Every structure is written in structure tokens, then in C-alpha cells.
Amino acid sequence: THSQKKRGKKIMTQGSRLHVQGVFLGYRRSKVNQYENTSLIKVDGVRSREDTPFYLGKRVAYVYKAKSKKNGSKVRVIWGRLVAAHGNSGTFRARFRNNLPPKAMGSQVRVMLYPSRV
């Protein structure tokens, strides 16, 4: 929560969370080939294929820290989008503007709850 001043009184306002946690599992692959342009994402709370349509088209952010500063910050983001369901256990395929680096496998991503299609 964060506070906000209004006419001299301090009012507590509830912060709203605009993302759900997810995990970057790896790249889409077959027995021999690996397709780095498609990442597999597991979203918290999604356990079956029936739960996936709500999240299709949602934006995904991989947030990481770099050594050097850019625009006054060491924090950087690679943006992507959930494009399809993968399998029957609630996993998604995602496309990112730049392919996610291999060191990101197993790390957290943020699945934004926008754009909304409701």
C-alpha cells in the first residue's frame, strides 16, 4: 500500500497488482531441434488448457539487472507476448522482441494483466 495526501488528511489507498508471476522454462523444441524464437512460460495458477484463453495476448516482461547504467538505471526489460497454449498443463508459448538469453531459464517473468479482452 502507499499513502496519498488529500486536503491535509492522510488517506491510505490500496495498490493494485498488474501482473502475475511466471517462470521461463526453456525454448520450444523437439527431440533434435530447438526454436529460440519461442519461449515456454509457466504462469502461476494456470493448471489446465481450459484456463489458458484469458492469458493469450497478455504482455510478458523479463526484468533483469545489468552491470552498466542506461538511462540512469541498471534494470532492463525484454518485452514479449503470450501467443499460444502449449500442451495440456497450462504452459504458454511466448514471443519476445529479443530472444530470451539461456541464463534466464528457470527465472521469474512478469505476466501483465493487460491488454484486457474482457
Protein backbone atom coordinates (compact mmCIF):
# COMPACT_ATOMS: atom_id res chain seq x y z
CA THR A 1 0.00 0.00 0.00
CA HIS A 2 1.03 3.58 -0.47
CA SER A 3 -0.24 6.77 1.10
CA GLN A 4 -1.65 9.81 -0.58
CA LYS A 5 -2.31 13.35 0.74
CA LYS A 6 -5.70 14.87 0.14
CA ARG A 7 -6.68 18.24 1.68
CA GLY A 8 -4.24 17.82 4.57
CA LYS A 9 -5.56 14.38 5.58
CA LYS A 10 -3.58 11.21 5.00
CA ILE A 11 -5.62 8.59 3.18
CA MET A 12 -4.40 5.02 2.69
CA THR A 13 -5.02 3.67 -0.81
CA GLN A 14 -4.68 0.06 -1.80
CA GLY A 15 -2.09 -0.58 -4.53
CA SER A 16 -3.28 -2.80 -7.34
CA ARG A 17 -1.08 -5.53 -8.77
CA LEU A 18 -0.97 -5.53 -12.55
CA HIS A 19 0.96 -8.74 -13.06
CA VAL A 20 1.09 -12.44 -12.24
CA GLN A 21 4.34 -14.33 -11.69
CA GLY A 22 5.54 -16.82 -14.28
CA VAL A 23 8.63 -18.90 -14.95
CA PHE A 24 10.66 -19.16 -18.16
CA LEU A 25 11.00 -22.93 -18.63
CA GLY A 26 13.09 -23.02 -21.79
CA TYR A 27 12.66 -22.86 -25.54
CA ARG A 28 10.15 -24.68 -27.71
CA ARG A 29 11.90 -27.76 -29.00
CA SER A 30 11.65 -31.22 -30.46
CA LYS A 31 14.00 -34.15 -29.95
CA VAL A 32 16.74 -32.65 -32.10
CA ASN A 33 15.80 -29.03 -32.88
CA GLN A 34 15.36 -26.05 -30.59
CA TYR A 35 13.43 -22.90 -31.56
CA GLU A 36 14.89 -20.00 -29.58
CA ASN A 37 12.37 -17.53 -31.00
CA THR A 38 9.59 -19.20 -28.97
CA SER A 39 9.88 -19.39 -25.18
CA LEU A 40 7.83 -21.63 -22.88
CA ILE A 41 6.28 -19.85 -19.91
CA LYS A 42 4.54 -21.40 -16.89
CA VAL A 43 2.08 -18.98 -15.23
CA ASP A 44 1.18 -19.28 -11.54
CA GLY A 45 -2.35 -20.61 -11.01
CA VAL A 46 -2.83 -21.94 -14.55
CA ARG A 47 -3.04 -25.73 -14.36
CA SER A 48 -5.01 -26.78 -17.45
CA ARG A 49 -5.55 -25.82 -21.05
CA GLU A 50 -9.07 -24.61 -20.18
CA ASP A 51 -7.54 -21.81 -18.06
CA THR A 52 -5.31 -20.51 -20.87
CA PRO A 53 -7.59 -18.37 -23.12
CA PHE A 54 -7.75 -15.50 -20.59
CA TYR A 55 -3.98 -15.01 -20.76
CA LEU A 56 -3.50 -15.23 -24.54
CA GLY A 57 -2.27 -11.90 -25.90
CA LYS A 58 -1.10 -10.68 -22.49
CA ARG A 59 2.30 -8.99 -22.31
CA VAL A 60 5.26 -10.62 -20.59
CA ALA A 61 8.26 -8.82 -19.10
CA TYR A 62 11.63 -10.40 -18.29
CA VAL A 63 13.24 -7.97 -15.84
CA TYR A 64 16.96 -8.24 -15.14
CA LYS A 65 19.88 -6.19 -13.87
CA ALA A 66 22.90 -5.29 -15.99
CA LYS A 67 26.32 -4.01 -14.91
CA SER A 68 26.30 -0.65 -16.67
CA LYS A 69 23.66 2.05 -16.37
CA LYS A 70 21.41 3.02 -19.26
CA ASN A 71 19.08 5.99 -18.83
CA GLY A 72 20.16 6.18 -15.20
CA SER A 73 19.16 2.64 -14.27
CA LYS A 74 20.77 -0.80 -14.22
CA VAL A 75 17.37 -2.50 -14.54
CA ARG A 76 16.41 -3.63 -18.04
CA VAL A 77 13.39 -5.36 -19.55
CA ILE A 78 12.77 -7.63 -22.52
CA TRP A 79 9.10 -7.46 -23.55
CA GLY A 80 7.11 -10.27 -25.12
CA ARG A 81 3.61 -11.61 -25.59
CA LEU A 82 1.81 -14.89 -24.84
CA VAL A 83 0.86 -16.23 -28.26
CA ALA A 84 -0.44 -19.78 -27.75
CA ALA A 85 -1.08 -22.54 -25.25
CA HIS A 86 1.49 -25.34 -25.17
CA GLY A 87 0.32 -28.80 -24.16
CA ASN A 88 -2.48 -29.57 -21.73
CA SER A 89 -0.95 -28.47 -18.42
CA GLY A 90 -1.36 -24.70 -18.74
CA THR A 91 2.01 -23.80 -20.25
CA PHE A 92 2.25 -20.97 -22.81
CA ARG A 93 4.37 -20.13 -25.83
CA ALA A 94 5.67 -16.59 -25.85
CA ARG A 95 7.46 -14.44 -28.41
CA PHE A 96 9.84 -11.76 -27.17
CA ARG A 97 11.20 -8.72 -29.03
CA ASN A 98 14.68 -10.12 -28.47
CA ASN A 99 15.04 -13.82 -27.73
CA LEU A 100 15.48 -14.50 -24.03
CA PRO A 101 19.07 -15.41 -23.08
CA PRO A 102 19.75 -19.00 -21.95
CA LYS A 103 20.81 -17.77 -18.49
CA ALA A 104 17.19 -16.71 -17.96
CA MET A 105 15.91 -20.31 -17.91
CA GLY A 106 14.19 -21.03 -14.63
CA SER A 107 13.92 -17.36 -13.71
CA GLN A 108 10.83 -15.28 -12.98
CA VAL A 109 8.92 -13.33 -15.59
CA ARG A 110 6.00 -10.96 -15.08
CA VAL A 111 2.79 -11.70 -16.96
CA MET A 112 0.97 -8.38 -17.18
CA LEU A 113 -2.82 -8.42 -16.91
CA TYR A 114 -3.13 -6.13 -19.92
CA PRO A 115 -4.19 -5.76 -22.68
CA SER A 116 -7.60 -6.84 -21.45
CA ARG A 117 -10.01 -8.55 -23.83
CA VAL A 118 -12.94 -8.54 -21.37
